[in-house]
Amino acid sequence: MADSNASQEFIVQGDPVQSGQLNEHLQREPGVKRVAQIAPDVVILSMTKTQADRLKSTFATLVVEPNSALKQFDAD
């Protein structure tokens, strides 16, 4: 299991991203860094597992998943 105090990238998707609610909330979360904006409602954030869990509990409609590398597959 990953260290809950180590920063890692998470994909965050949902209405709070698009509406700006997430941006407002992140101004009160100093350790969270925006890595990229993928779509109007999708961002990649660098934060700890604890911070990610807090985002999930703050915004019920938000999807927060670790940004792991896609696995290659053979297309036969």
PDB file of N, CA and C in Angstrom:
ATOM      1  N   MET A   1       0.838  -1.186   0.000  1.00  0.00           N
ATOM      2  CA  MET A   1       0.000   0.000   0.000  1.00  0.00           C
ATOM      3  C   MET A   1       0.883   1.250   0.000  1.00  0.00           C
ATOM      4  N   ALA A   2       0.444   2.269  -0.709  1.00  0.00           N
ATOM      5  CA  ALA A   2       1.225   3.494  -0.838  1.00  0.00           C
ATOM      6  C   ALA A   2       1.266   4.259   0.481  1.00  0.00           C
ATOM      7  N   ASP A   3       2.349   4.978   0.681  1.00  0.00           N
ATOM      8  CA  ASP A   3       2.502   5.828   1.857  1.00  0.00           C
ATOM      9  C   ASP A   3       1.495   6.971   1.774  1.00  0.00           C
ATOM     10  N   SER A   4       0.655   7.110   2.793  1.00  0.00           N
ATOM     11  CA  SER A   4      -0.401   8.127   2.750  1.00  0.00           C
ATOM     12  C   SER A   4       0.151   9.546   2.866  1.00  0.00           C
ATOM     13  N   ASN A   5       1.425   9.683   3.238  1.00  0.00           N
ATOM     14  CA  ASN A   5       2.028  11.009   3.350  1.00  0.00           C
ATOM     15  C   ASN A   5       2.851  11.402   2.127  1.00  0.00           C
ATOM     16  N   ALA A   6       3.019  10.481   1.178  1.00  0.00           N
ATOM     17  CA  ALA A   6       3.795  10.777  -0.027  1.00  0.00           C
ATOM     18  C   ALA A   6       2.867  11.336  -1.101  1.00  0.00           C
ATOM     19  N   SER A   7       3.315  12.388  -1.768  1.00  0.00           N
ATOM     20  CA  SER A   7       2.501  12.964  -2.838  1.00  0.00           C
ATOM     21  C   SER A   7       2.518  12.050  -4.052  1.00  0.00           C
ATOM     22  N   GLN A   8       1.376  11.937  -4.683  1.00  0.00           N
ATOM     23  CA  GLN A   8       1.263  11.204  -5.934  1.00  0.00           C
ATOM     24  C   GLN A   8       0.202  11.892  -6.777  1.00  0.00           C
ATOM     25  N   GLU A   9       0.149  11.528  -8.052  1.00  0.00           N
ATOM     26  CA  GLU A   9      -0.816  12.171  -8.934  1.00  0.00           C
ATOM     27  C   GLU A   9      -2.145  11.434  -8.909  1.00  0.00           C
ATOM     28  N   PHE A  10      -3.222  12.215  -8.913  1.00  0.00           N
ATOM     29  CA  PHE A  10      -4.574  11.681  -8.955  1.00  0.00           C
ATOM     30  C   PHE A  10      -5.337  12.347 -10.085  1.00  0.00           C
ATOM     31  N   ILE A  11      -6.159  11.563 -10.771  1.00  0.00           N
ATOM     32  CA  ILE A  11      -7.084  12.111 -11.759  1.00  0.00           C
ATOM     33  C   ILE A  11      -8.359  12.451 -11.001  1.00  0.00           C
ATOM     34  N   VAL A  12      -8.825  13.684 -11.154  1.00  0.00           N
ATOM     35  CA  VAL A  12     -10.004  14.162 -10.436  1.00  0.00           C
ATOM     36  C   VAL A  12     -11.020  14.628 -11.470  1.00  0.00           C
ATOM     37  N   GLN A  13     -12.235  14.055 -11.389  1.00  0.00           N
ATOM     38  CA  GLN A  13     -13.260  14.379 -12.385  1.00  0.00           C
ATOM     39  C   GLN A  13     -14.595  14.627 -11.708  1.00  0.00           C
ATOM     40  N   GLY A  14     -15.345  15.598 -12.242  1.00  0.00           N
ATOM     41  CA  GLY A  14     -16.690  15.834 -11.753  1.00  0.00           C
ATOM     42  C   GLY A  14     -17.119  17.282 -11.893  1.00  0.00           C
ATOM     43  N   ASP A  15     -18.382  17.521 -11.572  1.00  0.00           N
ATOM     44  CA  ASP A  15     -18.954  18.865 -11.662  1.00  0.00           C
ATOM     45  C   ASP A  15     -18.200  19.907 -10.834  1.00  0.00           C
ATOM     46  N   PRO A  16     -17.707  19.564  -9.619  1.00  0.00           N
ATOM     47  CA  PRO A  16     -16.982  20.583  -8.847  1.00  0.00           C
ATOM     48  C   PRO A  16     -15.740  21.121  -9.567  1.00  0.00           C
ATOM     49  N   VAL A  17     -15.146  20.313 -10.457  1.00  0.00           N
ATOM     50  CA  VAL A  17     -13.996  20.789 -11.234  1.00  0.00           C
ATOM     51  C   VAL A  17     -14.467  21.856 -12.215  1.00  0.00           C
ATOM     52  N   GLN A  18     -15.527  21.534 -12.957  1.00  0.00           N
ATOM     53  CA  GLN A  18     -16.029  22.437 -13.989  1.00  0.00           C
ATOM     54  C   GLN A  18     -16.635  23.711 -13.402  1.00  0.00           C
ATOM     55  N   SER A  19     -17.321  23.589 -12.273  1.00  0.00           N
ATOM     56  CA  SER A  19     -18.007  24.744 -11.677  1.00  0.00           C
ATOM     57  C   SER A  19     -17.064  25.705 -10.955  1.00  0.00           C
ATOM     58  N   GLY A  20     -15.849  25.246 -10.649  1.00  0.00           N
ATOM     59  CA  GLY A  20     -14.908  26.093  -9.921  1.00  0.00           C
ATOM     60  C   GLY A  20     -14.909  25.848  -8.422  1.00  0.00           C
ATOM     61  N   GLN A  21     -15.838  25.024  -7.929  1.00  0.00           N
ATOM     62  CA  GLN A  21     -15.884  24.729  -6.487  1.00  0.00           C
ATOM     63  C   GLN A  21     -14.581  24.085  -6.023  1.00  0.00           C
ATOM     64  N   LEU A  22     -14.033  23.199  -6.860  1.00  0.00           N
ATOM     65  CA  LEU A  22     -12.790  22.527  -6.482  1.00  0.00           C
ATOM     66  C   LEU A  22     -11.657  23.545  -6.368  1.00  0.00           C
ATOM     67  N   ASN A  23     -11.568  24.472  -7.317  1.00  0.00           N
ATOM     68  CA  ASN A  23     -10.536  25.517  -7.267  1.00  0.00           C
ATOM     69  C   ASN A  23     -10.611  26.299  -5.972  1.00  0.00           C
ATOM     70  N   GLU A  24     -11.815  26.689  -5.576  1.00  0.00           N
ATOM     71  CA  GLU A  24     -11.993  27.436  -4.329  1.00  0.00           C
ATOM     72  C   GLU A  24     -11.522  26.612  -3.137  1.00  0.00           C
ATOM     73  N   HIS A  25     -11.880  25.333  -3.126  1.00  0.00           N
ATOM     74  CA  HIS A  25     -11.489  24.450  -2.031  1.00  0.00           C
ATOM     75  C   HIS A  25      -9.966  24.286  -1.974  1.00  0.00           C
ATOM     76  N   LEU A  26      -9.332  24.165  -3.144  1.00  0.00           N
ATOM     77  CA  LEU A  26      -7.886  23.927  -3.184  1.00  0.00           C
ATOM     78  C   LEU A  26      -7.077  25.120  -2.680  1.00  0.00           C
ATOM     79  N   GLN A  27      -7.666  26.294  -2.672  1.00  0.00           N
ATOM     80  CA  GLN A  27      -6.970  27.459  -2.118  1.00  0.00           C
ATOM     81  C   GLN A  27      -6.761  27.302  -0.616  1.00  0.00           C
ATOM     82  N   ARG A  28      -7.540  26.427   0.014  1.00  0.00           N
ATOM     83  CA  ARG A  28      -7.396  26.155   1.453  1.00  0.00           C
ATOM     84  C   ARG A  28      -6.617  24.865   1.707  1.00  0.00           C
ATOM     85  N   GLU A  29      -6.103  24.241   0.640  1.00  0.00           N
ATOM     86  CA  GLU A  29      -5.306  23.006   0.745  1.00  0.00           C
ATOM     87  C   GLU A  29      -3.915  23.293   0.183  1.00  0.00           C
ATOM     88  N   PRO A  30      -3.005  23.827   1.007  1.00  0.00           N
ATOM     89  CA  PRO A  30      -1.716  24.290   0.491  1.00  0.00           C
ATOM     90  C   PRO A  30      -0.834  23.213  -0.141  1.00  0.00           C
ATOM     91  N   GLY A  31      -0.977  21.970   0.253  1.00  0.00           N
ATOM     92  CA  GLY A  31      -0.098  20.929  -0.277  1.00  0.00           C
ATOM     93  C   GLY A  31      -0.529  20.337  -1.603  1.00  0.00           C
ATOM     94  N   VAL A  32      -1.704  20.707  -2.086  1.00  0.00           N
ATOM     95  CA  VAL A  32      -2.227  20.135  -3.331  1.00  0.00           C
ATOM     96  C   VAL A  32      -1.794  21.011  -4.504  1.00  0.00           C
ATOM     97  N   LYS A  33      -1.186  20.367  -5.519  1.00  0.00           N
ATOM     98  CA  LYS A  33      -0.733  21.111  -6.694  1.00  0.00           C
ATOM     99  C   LYS A  33      -1.464  20.622  -7.936  1.00  0.00           C
ATOM    100  N   ARG A  34      -1.898  21.564  -8.771  1.00  0.00           N
ATOM    101  CA  ARG A  34      -2.530  21.210 -10.046  1.00  0.00           C
ATOM    102  C   ARG A  34      -1.421  20.880 -11.044  1.00  0.00           C
ATOM    103  N   VAL A  35      -1.491  19.686 -11.632  1.00  0.00           N
ATOM    104  CA  VAL A  35      -0.496  19.251 -12.604  1.00  0.00           C
ATOM    105  C   VAL A  35      -0.958  19.593 -14.013  1.00  0.00           C
ATOM    106  N   ALA A  36      -2.227  19.295 -14.320  1.00  0.00           N
ATOM    107  CA  ALA A  36      -2.739  19.535 -15.672  1.00  0.00           C
ATOM    108  C   ALA A  36      -4.252  19.601 -15.665  1.00  0.00           C
ATOM    109  N   GLN A  37      -4.794  20.310 -16.641  1.00  0.00           N
ATOM    110  CA  GLN A  37      -6.243  20.339 -16.886  1.00  0.00           C
ATOM    111  C   GLN A  37      -6.436  19.528 -18.163  1.00  0.00           C
ATOM    112  N   ILE A  38      -7.150  18.412 -18.067  1.00  0.00           N
ATOM    113  CA  ILE A  38      -7.319  17.502 -19.195  1.00  0.00           C
ATOM    114  C   ILE A  38      -8.575  17.846 -19.991  1.00  0.00           C
ATOM    115  N   ALA A  39      -9.610  18.222 -19.297  1.00  0.00           N
ATOM    116  CA  ALA A  39     -10.901  18.570 -19.901  1.00  0.00           C
ATOM    117  C   ALA A  39     -11.567  19.570 -18.955  1.00  0.00           C
ATOM    118  N   PRO A  40     -12.679  20.185 -19.383  1.00  0.00           N
ATOM    119  CA  PRO A  40     -13.333  21.159 -18.494  1.00  0.00           C
ATOM    120  C   PRO A  40     -13.670  20.600 -17.110  1.00  0.00           C
ATOM    121  N   ASP A  41     -13.927  19.294 -17.031  1.00  0.00           N
ATOM    122  CA  ASP A  41     -14.286  18.705 -15.735  1.00  0.00           C
ATOM    123  C   ASP A  41     -13.259  17.689 -15.232  1.00  0.00           C
ATOM    124  N   VAL A  42     -12.043  17.700 -15.795  1.00  0.00           N
ATOM    125  CA  VAL A  42     -11.012  16.730 -15.393  1.00  0.00           C
ATOM    126  C   VAL A  42      -9.677  17.440 -15.176  1.00  0.00           C
ATOM    127  N   VAL A  43      -9.081  17.214 -13.998  1.00  0.00           N
ATOM    128  CA  VAL A  43      -7.749  17.738 -13.710  1.00  0.00           C
ATOM    129  C   VAL A  43      -6.887  16.624 -13.132  1.00  0.00           C
ATOM    130  N   ILE A  44      -5.584  16.822 -13.209  1.00  0.00           N
ATOM    131  CA  ILE A  44      -4.648  15.938 -12.524  1.00  0.00           C
ATOM    132  C   ILE A  44      -4.031  16.760 -11.405  1.00  0.00           C
ATOM    133  N   LEU A  45      -4.124  16.223 -10.190  1.00  0.00           N
ATOM    134  CA  LEU A  45      -3.599  16.913  -9.012  1.00  0.00           C
ATOM    135  C   LEU A  45      -2.517  16.068  -8.359  1.00  0.00           C
ATOM    136  N   SER A  46      -1.527  16.722  -7.800  1.00  0.00           N
ATOM    137  CA  SER A  46      -0.498  16.059  -7.016  1.00  0.00           C
ATOM    138  C   SER A  46      -0.826  16.311  -5.549  1.00  0.00           C
ATOM    139  N   MET A  47      -1.052  15.220  -4.812  1.00  0.00           N
ATOM    140  CA  MET A  47      -1.435  15.346  -3.399  1.00  0.00           C
ATOM    141  C   MET A  47      -1.204  14.017  -2.702  1.00  0.00           C
ATOM    142  N   THR A  48      -1.368  14.020  -1.391  1.00  0.00           N
ATOM    143  CA  THR A  48      -1.216  12.785  -0.624  1.00  0.00           C
ATOM    144  C   THR A  48      -2.522  11.988  -0.664  1.00  0.00           C
ATOM    145  N   LYS A  49      -2.439  10.732  -0.298  1.00  0.00           N
ATOM    146  CA  LYS A  49      -3.630   9.874  -0.235  1.00  0.00           C
ATOM    147  C   LYS A  49      -4.631  10.451   0.765  1.00  0.00           C
ATOM    148  N   THR A  50      -4.138  10.985   1.869  1.00  0.00           N
ATOM    149  CA  THR A  50      -5.008  11.591   2.882  1.00  0.00           C
ATOM    150  C   THR A  50      -5.779  12.772   2.302  1.00  0.00           C
ATOM    151  N   GLN A  51      -5.086  13.621   1.538  1.00  0.00           N
ATOM    152  CA  GLN A  51      -5.751  14.765   0.910  1.00  0.00           C
ATOM    153  C   GLN A  51      -6.773  14.296  -0.126  1.00  0.00           C
ATOM    154  N   ALA A  52      -6.443  13.234  -0.863  1.00  0.00           N
ATOM    155  CA  ALA A  52      -7.377  12.688  -1.854  1.00  0.00           C
ATOM    156  C   ALA A  52      -8.636  12.168  -1.166  1.00  0.00           C
ATOM    157  N   ASP A  53      -8.458  11.474  -0.048  1.00  0.00           N
ATOM    158  CA  ASP A  53      -9.614  10.969   0.701  1.00  0.00           C
ATOM    159  C   ASP A  53     -10.472  12.118   1.220  1.00  0.00           C
ATOM    160  N   ARG A  54      -9.824  13.201   1.641  1.00  0.00           N
ATOM    161  CA  ARG A  54     -10.558  14.365   2.132  1.00  0.00           C
ATOM    162  C   ARG A  54     -11.372  15.002   0.999  1.00  0.00           C
ATOM    163  N   LEU A  55     -10.795  15.055  -0.208  1.00  0.00           N
ATOM    164  CA  LEU A  55     -11.540  15.586  -1.359  1.00  0.00           C
ATOM    165  C   LEU A  55     -12.775  14.739  -1.641  1.00  0.00           C
ATOM    166  N   LYS A  56     -12.596  13.404  -1.587  1.00  0.00           N
ATOM    167  CA  LYS A  56     -13.728  12.497  -1.836  1.00  0.00           C
ATOM    168  C   LYS A  56     -14.846  12.735  -0.834  1.00  0.00           C
ATOM    169  N   SER A  57     -14.487  12.950   0.419  1.00  0.00           N
ATOM    170  CA  SER A  57     -15.528  13.137   1.436  1.00  0.00           C
ATOM    171  C   SER A  57     -16.146  14.533   1.367  1.00  0.00           C
ATOM    172  N   THR A  58     -15.393  15.518   0.885  1.00  0.00           N
ATOM    173  CA  THR A  58     -15.919  16.879   0.765  1.00  0.00           C
ATOM    174  C   THR A  58     -16.881  17.003  -0.407  1.00  0.00           C
ATOM    175  N   PHE A  59     -16.526  16.379  -1.522  1.00  0.00           N
ATOM    176  CA  PHE A  59     -17.339  16.458  -2.742  1.00  0.00           C
ATOM    177  C   PHE A  59     -17.827  15.060  -3.107  1.00  0.00           C
ATOM    178  N   ALA A  60     -19.085  14.768  -2.804  1.00  0.00           N
ATOM    179  CA  ALA A  60     -19.637  13.431  -3.042  1.00  0.00           C
ATOM    180  C   ALA A  60     -19.657  13.052  -4.520  1.00  0.00           C
ATOM    181  N   THR A  61     -19.762  14.048  -5.413  1.00  0.00           N
ATOM    182  CA  THR A  61     -19.871  13.753  -6.844  1.00  0.00           C
ATOM    183  C   THR A  61     -18.516  13.678  -7.542  1.00  0.00           C
ATOM    184  N   LEU A  62     -17.438  13.860  -6.804  1.00  0.00           N
ATOM    185  CA  LEU A  62     -16.102  13.875  -7.389  1.00  0.00           C
ATOM    186  C   LEU A  62     -15.540  12.459  -7.488  1.00  0.00           C
ATOM    187  N   VAL A  63     -14.938  12.138  -8.627  1.00  0.00           N
ATOM    188  CA  VAL A  63     -14.236  10.866  -8.802  1.00  0.00           C
ATOM    189  C   VAL A  63     -12.750  11.166  -8.651  1.00  0.00           C
ATOM    190  N   VAL A  64     -12.100  10.485  -7.708  1.00  0.00           N
ATOM    191  CA  VAL A  64     -10.673  10.696  -7.445  1.00  0.00           C
ATOM    192  C   VAL A  64      -9.982   9.341  -7.535  1.00  0.00           C
ATOM    193  N   GLU A  65      -9.119   9.183  -8.539  1.00  0.00           N
ATOM    194  CA  GLU A  65      -8.420   7.914  -8.755  1.00  0.00           C
ATOM    195  C   GLU A  65      -6.931   8.174  -8.953  1.00  0.00           C
ATOM    196  N   PRO A  66      -6.078   7.246  -8.494  1.00  0.00           N
ATOM    197  CA  PRO A  66      -4.639   7.405  -8.750  1.00  0.00           C
ATOM    198  C   PRO A  66      -4.364   7.453 -10.251  1.00  0.00           C
ATOM    199  N   ASN A  67      -3.440   8.290 -10.653  1.00  0.00           N
ATOM    200  CA  ASN A  67      -3.054   8.410 -12.059  1.00  0.00           C
ATOM    201  C   ASN A  67      -1.918   7.428 -12.306  1.00  0.00           C
ATOM    202  N   SER A  68      -2.272   6.188 -12.623  1.00  0.00           N
ATOM    203  CA  SER A  68      -1.254   5.173 -12.873  1.00  0.00           C
ATOM    204  C   SER A  68      -1.078   4.996 -14.371  1.00  0.00           C
ATOM    205  N   ALA A  69       0.085   4.546 -14.749  1.00  0.00           N
ATOM    206  CA  ALA A  69       0.368   4.355 -16.170  1.00  0.00           C
ATOM    207  C   ALA A  69      -0.578   3.312 -16.752  1.00  0.00           C
ATOM    208  N   LEU A  70      -1.010   3.571 -17.968  1.00  0.00           N
ATOM    209  CA  LEU A  70      -1.881   2.604 -18.633  1.00  0.00           C
ATOM    210  C   LEU A  70      -1.074   1.364 -18.981  1.00  0.00           C
ATOM    211  N   LYS A  71      -1.681   0.215 -18.811  1.00  0.00           N
ATOM    212  CA  LYS A  71      -0.999  -1.031 -19.138  1.00  0.00           C
ATOM    213  C   LYS A  71      -1.114  -1.290 -20.634  1.00  0.00           C
ATOM    214  N   GLN A  72      -0.012  -1.704 -21.224  1.00  0.00           N
ATOM    215  CA  GLN A  72      -0.020  -2.048 -22.645  1.00  0.00           C
ATOM    216  C   GLN A  72      -0.756  -3.373 -22.826  1.00  0.00           C
ATOM    217  N   PHE A  73      -1.429  -3.504 -23.941  1.00  0.00           N
ATOM    218  CA  PHE A  73      -2.072  -4.777 -24.231  1.00  0.00           C
ATOM    219  C   PHE A  73      -1.835  -5.103 -25.698  1.00  0.00           C
ATOM    220  N   ASP A  74      -1.864  -6.385 -26.019  1.00  0.00           N
ATOM    221  CA  ASP A  74      -1.644  -6.820 -27.398  1.00  0.00           C
ATOM    222  C   ASP A  74      -2.949  -6.784 -28.151  1.00  0.00           C
ATOM    223  N   ALA A  75      -2.979  -6.024 -29.240  1.00  0.00           N
ATOM    224  CA  ALA A  75      -4.166  -5.976 -30.093  1.00  0.00           C
ATOM    225  C   ALA A  75      -3.945  -6.951 -31.240  1.00  0.00           C
ATOM    226  N   ASP A  76      -4.415  -8.162 -31.049  1.00  0.00           N
ATOM    227  CA  ASP A  76      -4.214  -9.204 -32.080  1.00  0.00           C
ATOM    228  C   ASP A  76      -5.147  -8.997 -33.242  1.00  0.00           C
TER     229      ASP A  76
END
